[in-house]
Protein backbone atom coordinates (compact mmCIF):
# COMPACT_ATOMS: atom_id res chain seq x y z
CA MET A 1 -89.43 295.57 8.57
CA THR A 2 -91.12 294.63 11.76
CA LEU A 3 -94.42 296.57 11.08
CA PHE A 4 -94.52 295.02 7.77
CA HIS A 5 -94.19 291.64 9.50
CA PHE A 6 -96.87 292.71 11.68
CA GLY A 7 -99.37 293.83 8.84
CA ASN A 8 -98.35 290.69 7.09
CA CYS A 9 -99.46 288.49 9.80
CA LEU A 10 -102.38 290.27 10.37
CA ALA A 11 -103.49 289.95 7.00
CA LEU A 12 -103.07 286.51 6.71
CA ALA A 13 -105.05 285.85 9.79
CA TYR A 14 -107.96 288.23 9.65
CA VAL A 15 -108.58 288.75 5.72
CA PRO A 16 -109.84 285.15 5.12
CA HIS A 17 -112.76 286.03 7.57
CA ILE A 18 -113.37 289.27 5.43
CA ILE A 19 -113.15 287.24 2.15
CA VAL A 20 -115.62 284.62 3.73
CA TYR A 21 -117.96 287.56 4.87
CA LYS A 22 -118.03 289.24 1.59
CA CYS A 23 -117.76 286.36 -1.06
CA SER A 24 -120.36 283.86 0.67
CA GLY A 25 -123.34 286.38 0.53
CA LEU A 26 -123.57 287.58 4.35
CA SER A 27 -122.98 291.04 3.45
CA GLU A 28 -126.02 290.69 1.16
CA TYR A 29 -128.17 289.61 4.16
CA ARG A 30 -126.58 292.45 6.30
CA ALA A 31 -125.62 289.72 8.75
CA PHE A 32 -122.56 291.77 10.45
CA TRP A 33 -124.73 292.63 13.48
CA ARG A 34 -125.52 288.71 13.48
CA CYS A 35 -121.87 287.75 13.42
CA ALA A 36 -120.95 290.33 16.14
CA GLN A 37 -123.89 288.76 18.14
CA ALA A 38 -122.32 285.47 17.69
CA ALA A 39 -119.16 286.74 18.79
CA ALA A 40 -120.35 288.60 22.08
CA VAL A 41 -122.03 284.86 22.97
CA TYR A 42 -118.49 283.41 22.36
CA LEU A 43 -117.17 286.26 24.80
CA VAL A 44 -119.75 285.33 27.37
CA THR A 45 -119.50 281.67 27.09
CA GLN A 46 -115.45 281.89 27.61
CA LEU A 47 -116.02 284.26 30.71
CA ALA A 48 -118.78 281.55 32.06
CA LYS A 49 -115.94 278.79 31.76
CA MET A 50 -112.95 281.02 33.35
CA LEU A 51 -115.35 281.61 36.16
CA VAL A 52 -116.55 278.14 36.61
CA LEU A 53 -113.19 276.82 36.60
CA ALA A 54 -111.50 279.33 39.02
CA THR A 55 -114.46 278.87 41.45
CA PHE A 56 -115.49 275.17 41.67
CA PHE A 57 -112.14 273.47 40.30
CA PRO A 58 -109.02 274.54 42.32
CA ASP A 59 -105.60 273.33 41.47
CA SER A 60 -105.13 269.65 42.12
CA LYS A 61 -103.35 268.48 45.30
CA ALA A 62 -102.53 265.37 43.93
CA ALA A 63 -98.60 264.02 44.78
CA PRO A 64 -96.21 265.34 41.81
CA GLY A 65 -96.29 262.54 39.02
CA ALA A 66 -99.82 261.54 39.86
CA MET A 67 -102.65 261.97 37.80
CA ASP A 68 -105.96 263.26 39.08
CA VAL A 69 -108.41 261.67 36.41
CA ILE A 70 -111.62 262.73 37.99
CA GLY A 71 -110.48 266.27 38.49
CA ASP A 72 -109.13 266.53 35.12
CA PHE A 73 -112.34 264.90 33.66
CA ALA A 74 -114.69 267.44 35.50
CA LYS A 75 -112.37 270.43 34.10
CA THR A 76 -112.92 269.01 30.92
CA ALA A 77 -116.46 268.87 31.07
CA VAL A 78 -116.62 272.77 31.55
CA ASP A 79 -115.83 272.75 27.83
CA LEU A 80 -119.69 271.62 27.23
CA ALA A 81 -120.34 275.15 27.99
CA ASP A 82 -119.21 275.74 24.10
CA ILE A 83 -121.86 273.45 22.94
CA VAL A 84 -124.58 275.47 24.63
CA GLY A 85 -123.15 278.27 23.62
CA ILE A 86 -123.20 277.29 19.77
CA TYR A 87 -126.90 275.86 20.29
CA TYR A 88 -127.86 279.37 21.66
CA VAL A 89 -126.45 280.97 18.56
CA MET A 90 -127.98 278.70 15.99
CA HIS A 91 -131.38 278.47 17.46
CA HIS A 92 -131.87 282.00 18.71
CA LEU A 93 -129.49 284.50 16.93
CA ALA A 94 -128.45 283.24 13.53
CA GLY A 95 -130.52 283.67 10.36
CA LYS A 96 -132.61 281.17 8.48
CA GLY A 97 -131.45 277.97 6.48
CA GLU A 98 -127.86 277.43 5.56
CA ILE A 99 -126.82 281.16 6.38
CA ARG A 100 -127.17 280.61 10.29
CA PHE A 101 -124.39 278.02 9.81
CA LEU A 102 -122.14 280.91 8.33
CA ILE A 103 -123.12 283.32 10.96
CA ALA A 104 -122.38 281.09 13.93
CA GLY A 105 -119.28 279.59 12.45
CA LEU A 106 -117.71 283.08 11.26
CA GLY A 107 -118.73 284.86 14.22
CA TRP A 108 -117.49 282.29 16.68
CA ALA A 109 -114.43 281.87 14.88
CA THR A 110 -113.71 285.73 14.29
CA ALA A 111 -114.19 286.22 18.10
CA GLU A 112 -111.79 283.50 18.95
CA LEU A 113 -109.21 284.21 16.74
CA ALA A 114 -109.12 288.01 18.07
CA MET A 115 -109.12 286.64 21.82
CA THR A 116 -106.72 284.07 21.38
CA ARG A 117 -104.26 285.39 18.87
CA LEU A 118 -104.25 289.59 18.51
CA LEU A 119 -102.85 290.32 21.83
CA VAL A 120 -99.99 287.65 20.99
CA LEU A 121 -99.78 289.13 17.76
CA TRP A 122 -99.51 292.26 18.85
CA VAL A 123 -97.22 291.81 21.54
CA GLY A 124 -95.03 289.45 19.99
């Protein structure tokens, strides 16, 4: 029963990405490699964000219950790296026209799903 539940959750999470790839025409353009490149850019972007957060923004030394507004704002500003990553995918890796939106979105979303949900789904 547990294996059935795992397969069901895996199908509910990943099959929509496969359906979008097959039914949107991306498979006709042979865009799998470009989606994989977009996923790789996502991974590099997340690694860079983790390194910047760990190196330049240590834990706050504020008193318990106090709020470190400037520190929290600076930590949130690191999320601008996602915009830089998507900009790079859209202008340097993806195809032409509206296909580039599908390539960038599908590659980015699939990588995010795999990195944030697959281990949790597997381990439980």
